Amino acid sequence: MFTLPAALHDVTRRHPRRVYELRFHTASATLRDVAADPKYLGAQVGLLLALHTGGQNVPLHPHVQGVVSGGGRSCDRAGVLTANPRWVSCRPGFFLPVRVLSRV
């Protein structure tokens, strides 16, 4: 889940379309970049992202949630498919390190 900090809620209310476009772009780019890094997975992953703008108890809680494939086609560090791509599975019960995703 990629959550927008509360400090940006006013900007979101004034420019919702632009802020939500940026949320999708940053969430997608972060997942793809980290997954492409051979240190973590070394693969191009598939993504399905959904926008949630509210929670049960919070009127505005914008965040993007995603369904991501449990692996992907092998690629180089730049995310370009290798000459003969193969399926690269993530480790059981683990996809990508949350701390790395948070830093990116």
PDB file of N, CA and C in Angstrom:
ATOM      1  N   MET A   1       0.851  -1.168   0.000  1.00  0.00           N
ATOM      2  CA  MET A   1       0.000   0.000   0.000  1.00  0.00           C
ATOM      3  C   MET A   1       0.897   1.230   0.000  1.00  0.00           C
ATOM      4  N   PHE A   2       0.587   2.181  -0.845  1.00  0.00           N
ATOM      5  CA  PHE A   2       1.322   3.436  -0.949  1.00  0.00           C
ATOM      6  C   PHE A   2       0.399   4.553  -0.471  1.00  0.00           C
ATOM      7  N   THR A   3       0.662   5.052   0.731  1.00  0.00           N
ATOM      8  CA  THR A   3      -0.200   6.042   1.379  1.00  0.00           C
ATOM      9  C   THR A   3       0.350   7.447   1.195  1.00  0.00           C
ATOM     10  N   LEU A   4      -0.536   8.385   0.983  1.00  0.00           N
ATOM     11  CA  LEU A   4      -0.158   9.784   0.862  1.00  0.00           C
ATOM     12  C   LEU A   4      -0.130  10.407   2.255  1.00  0.00           C
ATOM     13  N   PRO A   5       0.938  11.130   2.612  1.00  0.00           N
ATOM     14  CA  PRO A   5       1.010  11.746   3.945  1.00  0.00           C
ATOM     15  C   PRO A   5      -0.128  12.742   4.173  1.00  0.00           C
ATOM     16  N   ALA A   6      -0.584  12.827   5.393  1.00  0.00           N
ATOM     17  CA  ALA A   6      -1.686  13.737   5.749  1.00  0.00           C
ATOM     18  C   ALA A   6      -1.359  15.186   5.417  1.00  0.00           C
ATOM     19  N   ALA A   7      -0.090  15.539   5.454  1.00  0.00           N
ATOM     20  CA  ALA A   7       0.305  16.922   5.150  1.00  0.00           C
ATOM     21  C   ALA A   7      -0.055  17.317   3.718  1.00  0.00           C
ATOM     22  N   LEU A   8      -0.289  16.340   2.848  1.00  0.00           N
ATOM     23  CA  LEU A   8      -0.625  16.640   1.452  1.00  0.00           C
ATOM     24  C   LEU A   8      -2.121  16.526   1.153  1.00  0.00           C
ATOM     25  N   HIS A   9      -2.941  16.335   2.167  1.00  0.00           N
ATOM     26  CA  HIS A   9      -4.383  16.198   1.941  1.00  0.00           C
ATOM     27  C   HIS A   9      -4.990  17.467   1.352  1.00  0.00           C
ATOM     28  N   ASP A  10      -4.538  18.646   1.784  1.00  0.00           N
ATOM     29  CA  ASP A  10      -5.087  19.897   1.231  1.00  0.00           C
ATOM     30  C   ASP A  10      -4.777  20.007  -0.258  1.00  0.00           C
ATOM     31  N   VAL A  11      -3.567  19.648  -0.653  1.00  0.00           N
ATOM     32  CA  VAL A  11      -3.196  19.664  -2.069  1.00  0.00           C
ATOM     33  C   VAL A  11      -4.065  18.668  -2.832  1.00  0.00           C
ATOM     34  N   THR A  12      -4.332  17.525  -2.236  1.00  0.00           N
ATOM     35  CA  THR A  12      -5.165  16.502  -2.871  1.00  0.00           C
ATOM     36  C   THR A  12      -6.583  17.010  -3.087  1.00  0.00           C
ATOM     37  N   ARG A  13      -7.116  17.725  -2.117  1.00  0.00           N
ATOM     38  CA  ARG A  13      -8.479  18.272  -2.259  1.00  0.00           C
ATOM     39  C   ARG A  13      -8.552  19.315  -3.373  1.00  0.00           C
ATOM     40  N   ARG A  14      -7.476  20.098  -3.550  1.00  0.00           N
ATOM     41  CA  ARG A  14      -7.463  21.143  -4.579  1.00  0.00           C
ATOM     42  C   ARG A  14      -7.165  20.587  -5.969  1.00  0.00           C
ATOM     43  N   HIS A  15      -6.334  19.559  -6.056  1.00  0.00           N
ATOM     44  CA  HIS A  15      -5.904  19.021  -7.346  1.00  0.00           C
ATOM     45  C   HIS A  15      -5.966  17.490  -7.344  1.00  0.00           C
ATOM     46  N   PRO A  16      -7.144  16.913  -7.113  1.00  0.00           N
ATOM     47  CA  PRO A  16      -7.223  15.466  -6.948  1.00  0.00           C
ATOM     48  C   PRO A  16      -6.722  14.679  -8.155  1.00  0.00           C
ATOM     49  N   ARG A  17      -7.110  15.075  -9.343  1.00  0.00           N
ATOM     50  CA  ARG A  17      -6.712  14.300 -10.525  1.00  0.00           C
ATOM     51  C   ARG A  17      -5.195  14.226 -10.668  1.00  0.00           C
ATOM     52  N   ARG A  18      -4.528  15.355 -10.527  1.00  0.00           N
ATOM     53  CA  ARG A  18      -3.068  15.377 -10.688  1.00  0.00           C
ATOM     54  C   ARG A  18      -2.374  14.576  -9.579  1.00  0.00           C
ATOM     55  N   VAL A  19      -2.836  14.742  -8.352  1.00  0.00           N
ATOM     56  CA  VAL A  19      -2.221  14.019  -7.231  1.00  0.00           C
ATOM     57  C   VAL A  19      -2.414  12.511  -7.405  1.00  0.00           C
ATOM     58  N   TYR A  20      -3.600  12.085  -7.809  1.00  0.00           N
ATOM     59  CA  TYR A  20      -3.842  10.649  -7.983  1.00  0.00           C
ATOM     60  C   TYR A  20      -3.042  10.086  -9.153  1.00  0.00           C
ATOM     61  N   GLU A  21      -2.896  10.865 -10.232  1.00  0.00           N
ATOM     62  CA  GLU A  21      -2.040  10.429 -11.342  1.00  0.00           C
ATOM     63  C   GLU A  21      -0.606  10.218 -10.858  1.00  0.00           C
ATOM     64  N   LEU A  22      -0.121  11.152 -10.058  1.00  0.00           N
ATOM     65  CA  LEU A  22       1.235  11.030  -9.518  1.00  0.00           C
ATOM     66  C   LEU A  22       1.366   9.828  -8.596  1.00  0.00           C
ATOM     67  N   ARG A  23       0.330   9.530  -7.815  1.00  0.00           N
ATOM     68  CA  ARG A  23       0.366   8.370  -6.914  1.00  0.00           C
ATOM     69  C   ARG A  23       0.511   7.078  -7.712  1.00  0.00           C
ATOM     70  N   PHE A  24      -0.263   6.953  -8.780  1.00  0.00           N
ATOM     71  CA  PHE A  24      -0.162   5.752  -9.609  1.00  0.00           C
ATOM     72  C   PHE A  24       1.212   5.654 -10.256  1.00  0.00           C
ATOM     73  N   HIS A  25       1.686   6.771 -10.764  1.00  0.00           N
ATOM     74  CA  HIS A  25       2.994   6.774 -11.420  1.00  0.00           C
ATOM     75  C   HIS A  25       4.103   6.382 -10.441  1.00  0.00           C
ATOM     76  N   THR A  26       4.111   6.988  -9.266  1.00  0.00           N
ATOM     77  CA  THR A  26       5.185   6.702  -8.310  1.00  0.00           C
ATOM     78  C   THR A  26       5.089   5.277  -7.758  1.00  0.00           C
ATOM     79  N   ALA A  27       3.886   4.797  -7.480  1.00  0.00           N
ATOM     80  CA  ALA A  27       3.731   3.430  -6.980  1.00  0.00           C
ATOM     81  C   ALA A  27       4.204   2.426  -8.033  1.00  0.00           C
ATOM     82  N   SER A  28       3.779   2.621  -9.269  1.00  0.00           N
ATOM     83  CA  SER A  28       4.168   1.721 -10.351  1.00  0.00           C
ATOM     84  C   SER A  28       5.675   1.753 -10.582  1.00  0.00           C
ATOM     85  N   ALA A  29       6.235   2.949 -10.680  1.00  0.00           N
ATOM     86  CA  ALA A  29       7.672   3.077 -10.934  1.00  0.00           C
ATOM     87  C   ALA A  29       8.499   2.480  -9.798  1.00  0.00           C
ATOM     88  N   THR A  30       8.067   2.692  -8.567  1.00  0.00           N
ATOM     89  CA  THR A  30       8.791   2.148  -7.413  1.00  0.00           C
ATOM     90  C   THR A  30       8.799   0.625  -7.450  1.00  0.00           C
ATOM     91  N   LEU A  31       7.641   0.023  -7.637  1.00  0.00           N
ATOM     92  CA  LEU A  31       7.565  -1.440  -7.678  1.00  0.00           C
ATOM     93  C   LEU A  31       8.383  -2.009  -8.829  1.00  0.00           C
ATOM     94  N   ARG A  32       8.270  -1.409 -10.006  1.00  0.00           N
ATOM     95  CA  ARG A  32       8.994  -1.916 -11.174  1.00  0.00           C
ATOM     96  C   ARG A  32      10.503  -1.740 -11.028  1.00  0.00           C
ATOM     97  N   ASP A  33      10.926  -0.584 -10.526  1.00  0.00           N
ATOM     98  CA  ASP A  33      12.369  -0.335 -10.376  1.00  0.00           C
ATOM     99  C   ASP A  33      13.011  -1.267  -9.355  1.00  0.00           C
ATOM    100  N   VAL A  34      12.371  -1.430  -8.205  1.00  0.00           N
ATOM    101  CA  VAL A  34      12.936  -2.299  -7.170  1.00  0.00           C
ATOM    102  C   VAL A  34      12.908  -3.753  -7.640  1.00  0.00           C
ATOM    103  N   ALA A  35      11.817  -4.177  -8.273  1.00  0.00           N
ATOM    104  CA  ALA A  35      11.730  -5.557  -8.759  1.00  0.00           C
ATOM    105  C   ALA A  35      12.770  -5.832  -9.845  1.00  0.00           C
ATOM    106  N   ALA A  36      13.099  -4.844 -10.670  1.00  0.00           N
ATOM    107  CA  ALA A  36      14.075  -5.034 -11.747  1.00  0.00           C
ATOM    108  C   ALA A  36      15.494  -5.169 -11.213  1.00  0.00           C
ATOM    109  N   ASP A  37      15.752  -4.671 -10.029  1.00  0.00           N
ATOM    110  CA  ASP A  37      17.099  -4.728  -9.458  1.00  0.00           C
ATOM    111  C   ASP A  37      17.445  -6.181  -9.144  1.00  0.00           C
ATOM    112  N   PRO A  38      18.550  -6.696  -9.720  1.00  0.00           N
ATOM    113  CA  PRO A  38      18.920  -8.096  -9.474  1.00  0.00           C
ATOM    114  C   PRO A  38      19.182  -8.415  -8.000  1.00  0.00           C
ATOM    115  N   LYS A  39      19.459  -7.401  -7.216  1.00  0.00           N
ATOM    116  CA  LYS A  39      19.677  -7.616  -5.786  1.00  0.00           C
ATOM    117  C   LYS A  39      18.383  -8.072  -5.100  1.00  0.00           C
ATOM    118  N   TYR A  40      17.232  -7.700  -5.658  1.00  0.00           N
ATOM    119  CA  TYR A  40      15.956  -8.024  -5.026  1.00  0.00           C
ATOM    120  C   TYR A  40      15.174  -9.088  -5.793  1.00  0.00           C
ATOM    121  N   LEU A  41      15.001  -8.929  -7.111  1.00  0.00           N
ATOM    122  CA  LEU A  41      14.269  -9.924  -7.892  1.00  0.00           C
ATOM    123  C   LEU A  41      14.871 -10.086  -9.288  1.00  0.00           C
ATOM    124  N   GLY A  42      15.195  -8.982  -9.947  1.00  0.00           N
ATOM    125  CA  GLY A  42      15.761  -9.042 -11.287  1.00  0.00           C
ATOM    126  C   GLY A  42      14.748  -9.440 -12.338  1.00  0.00           C
ATOM    127  N   ALA A  43      13.521  -8.896 -12.209  1.00  0.00           N
ATOM    128  CA  ALA A  43      12.460  -9.296 -13.133  1.00  0.00           C
ATOM    129  C   ALA A  43      11.490  -8.156 -13.400  1.00  0.00           C
ATOM    130  N   GLN A  44      10.835  -8.239 -14.563  1.00  0.00           N
ATOM    131  CA  GLN A  44       9.722  -7.347 -14.877  1.00  0.00           C
ATOM    132  C   GLN A  44       8.470  -7.982 -14.286  1.00  0.00           C
ATOM    133  N   VAL A  45       7.786  -7.256 -13.419  1.00  0.00           N
ATOM    134  CA  VAL A  45       6.591  -7.798 -12.765  1.00  0.00           C
ATOM    135  C   VAL A  45       5.325  -7.227 -13.392  1.00  0.00           C
ATOM    136  N   GLY A  46       4.220  -7.923 -13.184  1.00  0.00           N
ATOM    137  CA  GLY A  46       2.915  -7.446 -13.609  1.00  0.00           C
ATOM    138  C   GLY A  46       2.226  -6.753 -12.445  1.00  0.00           C
ATOM    139  N   LEU A  47       1.499  -5.679 -12.745  1.00  0.00           N
ATOM    140  CA  LEU A  47       0.851  -4.872 -11.696  1.00  0.00           C
ATOM    141  C   LEU A  47      -0.612  -4.618 -12.016  1.00  0.00           C
ATOM    142  N   LEU A  48      -1.422  -4.576 -10.983  1.00  0.00           N
ATOM    143  CA  LEU A  48      -2.791  -4.093 -11.059  1.00  0.00           C
ATOM    144  C   LEU A  48      -2.951  -3.181  -9.850  1.00  0.00           C
ATOM    145  N   LEU A  49      -3.128  -1.880 -10.083  1.00  0.00           N
ATOM    146  CA  LEU A  49      -3.203  -0.915  -8.986  1.00  0.00           C
ATOM    147  C   LEU A  49      -4.613  -0.348  -8.879  1.00  0.00           C
ATOM    148  N   ALA A  50      -5.044  -0.075  -7.652  1.00  0.00           N
ATOM    149  CA  ALA A  50      -6.369   0.491  -7.402  1.00  0.00           C
ATOM    150  C   ALA A  50      -6.242   1.651  -6.426  1.00  0.00           C
ATOM    151  N   LEU A  51      -7.005   2.702  -6.674  1.00  0.00           N
ATOM    152  CA  LEU A  51      -7.009   3.884  -5.814  1.00  0.00           C
ATOM    153  C   LEU A  51      -8.104   3.767  -4.773  1.00  0.00           C
ATOM    154  N   HIS A  52      -7.729   4.015  -3.524  1.00  0.00           N
ATOM    155  CA  HIS A  52      -8.696   4.112  -2.422  1.00  0.00           C
ATOM    156  C   HIS A  52      -8.546   5.524  -1.863  1.00  0.00           C
ATOM    157  N   THR A  53      -9.660   6.237  -1.739  1.00  0.00           N
ATOM    158  CA  THR A  53      -9.582   7.618  -1.254  1.00  0.00           C
ATOM    159  C   THR A  53     -10.076   7.793   0.168  1.00  0.00           C
ATOM    160  N   GLY A  54     -10.686   6.795   0.734  1.00  0.00           N
ATOM    161  CA  GLY A  54     -11.178   6.925   2.102  1.00  0.00           C
ATOM    162  C   GLY A  54     -11.059   5.622   2.851  1.00  0.00           C
ATOM    163  N   GLY A  55     -11.149   5.735   4.149  1.00  0.00           N
ATOM    164  CA  GLY A  55     -11.131   4.543   4.990  1.00  0.00           C
ATOM    165  C   GLY A  55     -12.431   4.464   5.755  1.00  0.00           C
ATOM    166  N   GLN A  56     -12.553   3.491   6.611  1.00  0.00           N
ATOM    167  CA  GLN A  56     -13.785   3.338   7.378  1.00  0.00           C
ATOM    168  C   GLN A  56     -13.993   4.503   8.334  1.00  0.00           C
ATOM    169  N   ASN A  57     -12.925   4.976   8.971  1.00  0.00           N
ATOM    170  CA  ASN A  57     -13.057   6.014   9.990  1.00  0.00           C
ATOM    171  C   ASN A  57     -12.428   7.342   9.579  1.00  0.00           C
ATOM    172  N   VAL A  58     -11.874   7.416   8.388  1.00  0.00           N
ATOM    173  CA  VAL A  58     -11.167   8.618   7.953  1.00  0.00           C
ATOM    174  C   VAL A  58     -11.794   9.092   6.644  1.00  0.00           C
ATOM    175  N   PRO A  59     -12.253  10.363   6.584  1.00  0.00           N
ATOM    176  CA  PRO A  59     -12.912  10.838   5.374  1.00  0.00           C
ATOM    177  C   PRO A  59     -11.983  10.896   4.155  1.00  0.00           C
ATOM    178  N   LEU A  60     -10.730  11.280   4.327  1.00  0.00           N
ATOM    179  CA  LEU A  60      -9.793  11.314   3.216  1.00  0.00           C
ATOM    180  C   LEU A  60      -8.532  10.578   3.631  1.00  0.00           C
ATOM    181  N   HIS A  61      -8.306   9.460   2.980  1.00  0.00           N
ATOM    182  CA  HIS A  61      -7.124   8.639   3.258  1.00  0.00           C
ATOM    183  C   HIS A  61      -6.645   8.058   1.927  1.00  0.00           C
ATOM    184  N   PRO A  62      -6.079   8.923   1.048  1.00  0.00           N
ATOM    185  CA  PRO A  62      -5.720   8.442  -0.285  1.00  0.00           C
ATOM    186  C   PRO A  62      -4.529   7.494  -0.260  1.00  0.00           C
ATOM    187  N   HIS A  63      -4.722   6.351  -0.875  1.00  0.00           N
ATOM    188  CA  HIS A  63      -3.637   5.392  -1.003  1.00  0.00           C
ATOM    189  C   HIS A  63      -3.887   4.492  -2.209  1.00  0.00           C
ATOM    190  N   VAL A  64      -2.813   3.945  -2.720  1.00  0.00           N
ATOM    191  CA  VAL A  64      -2.882   3.033  -3.849  1.00  0.00           C
ATOM    192  C   VAL A  64      -2.544   1.643  -3.336  1.00  0.00           C
ATOM    193  N   GLN A  65      -3.404   0.685  -3.647  1.00  0.00           N
ATOM    194  CA  GLN A  65      -3.137  -0.703  -3.301  1.00  0.00           C
ATOM    195  C   GLN A  65      -2.885  -1.464  -4.593  1.00  0.00           C
ATOM    196  N   GLY A  66      -2.098  -2.511  -4.497  1.00  0.00           N
ATOM    197  CA  GLY A  66      -1.769  -3.225  -5.713  1.00  0.00           C
ATOM    198  C   GLY A  66      -1.779  -4.727  -5.561  1.00  0.00           C
ATOM    199  N   VAL A  67      -2.042  -5.375  -6.668  1.00  0.00           N
ATOM    200  CA  VAL A  67      -1.868  -6.810  -6.805  1.00  0.00           C
ATOM    201  C   VAL A  67      -0.695  -6.956  -7.760  1.00  0.00           C
ATOM    202  N   VAL A  68       0.330  -7.667  -7.316  1.00  0.00           N
ATOM    203  CA  VAL A  68       1.556  -7.786  -8.099  1.00  0.00           C
ATOM    204  C   VAL A  68       1.858  -9.266  -8.289  1.00  0.00           C
ATOM    205  N   SER A  69       2.311  -9.605  -9.485  1.00  0.00           N
ATOM    206  CA  SER A  69       2.657 -11.004  -9.754  1.00  0.00           C
ATOM    207  C   SER A  69       3.744 -11.463  -8.787  1.00  0.00           C
ATOM    208  N   GLY A  70       3.759 -12.723  -8.475  1.00  0.00           N
ATOM    209  CA  GLY A  70       4.732 -13.277  -7.530  1.00  0.00           C
ATOM    210  C   GLY A  70       6.073 -13.552  -8.166  1.00  0.00           C
ATOM    211  N   GLY A  71       6.407 -12.801  -9.167  1.00  0.00           N
ATOM    212  CA  GLY A  71       7.652 -12.945  -9.902  1.00  0.00           C
ATOM    213  C   GLY A  71       7.487 -12.247 -11.228  1.00  0.00           C
ATOM    214  N   GLY A  72       8.390 -12.532 -12.161  1.00  0.00           N
ATOM    215  CA  GLY A  72       8.290 -11.889 -13.461  1.00  0.00           C
ATOM    216  C   GLY A  72       9.329 -12.428 -14.419  1.00  0.00           C
ATOM    217  N   ARG A  73       9.384 -11.825 -15.597  1.00  0.00           N
ATOM    218  CA  ARG A  73      10.346 -12.227 -16.616  1.00  0.00           C
ATOM    219  C   ARG A  73      11.692 -11.587 -16.322  1.00  0.00           C
ATOM    220  N   SER A  74      12.750 -12.370 -16.461  1.00  0.00           N
ATOM    221  CA  SER A  74      14.094 -11.891 -16.125  1.00  0.00           C
ATOM    222  C   SER A  74      14.458 -10.667 -16.962  1.00  0.00           C
ATOM    223  N   CYS A  75      15.142  -9.706 -16.308  1.00  0.00           N
ATOM    224  CA  CYS A  75      15.544  -8.476 -16.975  1.00  0.00           C
ATOM    225  C   CYS A  75      16.869  -7.998 -16.406  1.00  0.00           C
ATOM    226  N   ASP A  76      17.444  -7.007 -17.090  1.00  0.00           N
ATOM    227  CA  ASP A  76      18.672  -6.423 -16.558  1.00  0.00           C
ATOM    228  C   ASP A  76      18.304  -5.328 -15.564  1.00  0.00           C
ATOM    229  N   ARG A  77      19.298  -4.679 -15.000  1.00  0.00           N
ATOM    230  CA  ARG A  77      19.067  -3.666 -13.962  1.00  0.00           C
ATOM    231  C   ARG A  77      18.187  -2.512 -14.439  1.00  0.00           C
ATOM    232  N   ALA A  78      18.212  -2.222 -15.741  1.00  0.00           N
ATOM    233  CA  ALA A  78      17.410  -1.133 -16.303  1.00  0.00           C
ATOM    234  C   ALA A  78      15.969  -1.572 -16.566  1.00  0.00           C
ATOM    235  N   GLY A  79      15.639  -2.828 -16.298  1.00  0.00           N
ATOM    236  CA  GLY A  79      14.284  -3.310 -16.517  1.00  0.00           C
ATOM    237  C   GLY A  79      14.049  -3.825 -17.924  1.00  0.00           C
ATOM    238  N   VAL A  80      15.112  -3.961 -18.723  1.00  0.00           N
ATOM    239  CA  VAL A  80      14.991  -4.462 -20.092  1.00  0.00           C
ATOM    240  C   VAL A  80      15.086  -5.987 -20.055  1.00  0.00           C
ATOM    241  N   LEU A  81      14.176  -6.636 -20.769  1.00  0.00           N
ATOM    242  CA  LEU A  81      14.185  -8.097 -20.799  1.00  0.00           C
ATOM    243  C   LEU A  81      15.537  -8.618 -21.269  1.00  0.00           C
ATOM    244  N   THR A  82      15.965  -9.709 -20.682  1.00  0.00           N
ATOM    245  CA  THR A  82      17.205 -10.349 -21.108  1.00  0.00           C
ATOM    246  C   THR A  82      16.968 -11.020 -22.465  1.00  0.00           C
ATOM    247  N   ALA A  83      18.047 -11.447 -23.119  1.00  0.00           N
ATOM    248  CA  ALA A  83      17.947 -12.039 -24.456  1.00  0.00           C
ATOM    249  C   ALA A  83      16.967 -13.207 -24.486  1.00  0.00           C
ATOM    250  N   ASN A  84      17.037 -14.081 -23.519  1.00  0.00           N
ATOM    251  CA  ASN A  84      16.116 -15.214 -23.411  1.00  0.00           C
ATOM    252  C   ASN A  84      15.453 -15.152 -22.041  1.00  0.00           C
ATOM    253  N   PRO A  85      14.382 -14.346 -21.918  1.00  0.00           N
ATOM    254  CA  PRO A  85      13.780 -14.178 -20.594  1.00  0.00           C
ATOM    255  C   PRO A  85      13.244 -15.488 -20.024  1.00  0.00           C
ATOM    256  N   ARG A  86      13.415 -15.630 -18.735  1.00  0.00           N
ATOM    257  CA  ARG A  86      12.895 -16.778 -18.008  1.00  0.00           C
ATOM    258  C   ARG A  86      12.074 -16.252 -16.839  1.00  0.00           C
ATOM    259  N   TRP A  87      11.232 -17.091 -16.287  1.00  0.00           N
ATOM    260  CA  TRP A  87      10.426 -16.696 -15.130  1.00  0.00           C
ATOM    261  C   TRP A  87      11.307 -16.695 -13.884  1.00  0.00           C
ATOM    262  N   VAL A  88      11.227 -15.614 -13.119  1.00  0.00           N
ATOM    263  CA  VAL A  88      11.947 -15.498 -11.851  1.00  0.00           C
ATOM    264  C   VAL A  88      10.900 -15.384 -10.763  1.00  0.00           C
ATOM    265  N   SER A  89      10.839 -16.360  -9.880  1.00  0.00           N
ATOM    266  CA  SER A  89       9.866 -16.353  -8.780  1.00  0.00           C
ATOM    267  C   SER A  89      10.450 -15.642  -7.572  1.00  0.00           C
ATOM    268  N   CYS A  90       9.582 -14.967  -6.829  1.00  0.00           N
ATOM    269  CA  CYS A  90      10.039 -14.380  -5.574  1.00  0.00           C
ATOM    270  C   CYS A  90      10.166 -15.498  -4.537  1.00  0.00           C
ATOM    271  N   ARG A  91      10.839 -15.183  -3.466  1.00  0.00           N
ATOM    272  CA  ARG A  91      10.977 -16.181  -2.397  1.00  0.00           C
ATOM    273  C   ARG A  91       9.604 -16.452  -1.776  1.00  0.00           C
ATOM    274  N   PRO A  92       9.364 -17.656  -1.298  1.00  0.00           N
ATOM    275  CA  PRO A  92       8.065 -17.970  -0.683  1.00  0.00           C
ATOM    276  C   PRO A  92       7.754 -17.020   0.482  1.00  0.00           C
ATOM    277  N   GLY A  93       6.569 -16.434   0.434  1.00  0.00           N
ATOM    278  CA  GLY A  93       6.129 -15.553   1.513  1.00  0.00           C
ATOM    279  C   GLY A  93       6.791 -14.189   1.526  1.00  0.00           C
ATOM    280  N   PHE A  94       7.546 -13.855   0.472  1.00  0.00           N
ATOM    281  CA  PHE A  94       8.283 -12.588   0.459  1.00  0.00           C
ATOM    282  C   PHE A  94       8.351 -12.078  -0.969  1.00  0.00           C
ATOM    283  N   PHE A  95       8.021 -10.806  -1.161  1.00  0.00           N
ATOM    284  CA  PHE A  95       8.096 -10.231  -2.511  1.00  0.00           C
ATOM    285  C   PHE A  95       9.278  -9.283  -2.619  1.00  0.00           C
ATOM    286  N   LEU A  96       9.135  -8.102  -2.066  1.00  0.00           N
ATOM    287  CA  LEU A  96      10.208  -7.099  -2.087  1.00  0.00           C
ATOM    288  C   LEU A  96      10.345  -6.505  -0.691  1.00  0.00           C
ATOM    289  N   PRO A  97      11.553  -6.063  -0.313  1.00  0.00           N
ATOM    290  CA  PRO A  97      11.742  -5.512   1.030  1.00  0.00           C
ATOM    291  C   PRO A  97      11.001  -4.183   1.218  1.00  0.00           C
ATOM    292  N   VAL A  98      10.174  -4.125   2.234  1.00  0.00           N
ATOM    293  CA  VAL A  98       9.354  -2.941   2.511  1.00  0.00           C
ATOM    294  C   VAL A  98      10.238  -1.717   2.791  1.00  0.00           C
ATOM    295  N   ARG A  99      11.321  -1.892   3.501  1.00  0.00           N
ATOM    296  CA  ARG A  99      12.191  -0.756   3.799  1.00  0.00           C
ATOM    297  C   ARG A  99      12.767  -0.153   2.526  1.00  0.00           C
ATOM    298  N   VAL A 100      13.124  -0.976   1.582  1.00  0.00           N
ATOM    299  CA  VAL A 100      13.645  -0.468   0.302  1.00  0.00           C
ATOM    300  C   VAL A 100      12.553   0.273  -0.440  1.00  0.00           C
ATOM    301  N   LEU A 101      11.365  -0.296  -0.510  1.00  0.00           N
ATOM    302  CA  LEU A 101      10.248   0.376  -1.178  1.00  0.00           C
ATOM    303  C   LEU A 101       9.955   1.720  -0.504  1.00  0.00           C
ATOM    304  N   SER A 102      10.002   1.776   0.808  1.00  0.00           N
ATOM    305  CA  SER A 102       9.740   3.014   1.540  1.00  0.00           C
ATOM    306  C   SER A 102      10.780   4.086   1.229  1.00  0.00           C
ATOM    307  N   ARG A 103      12.029   3.678   1.132  1.00  0.00           N
ATOM    308  CA  ARG A 103      13.094   4.651   0.823  1.00  0.00           C
ATOM    309  C   ARG A 103      12.936   5.204  -0.586  1.00  0.00           C
ATOM    310  N   VAL A 104      12.610   4.319  -1.535  1.00  0.00           N
ATOM    311  CA  VAL A 104      12.461   4.754  -2.924  1.00  0.00           C
ATOM    312  C   VAL A 104      11.256   5.656  -3.044  1.00  0.00           C
TER     313      VAL A 104
END
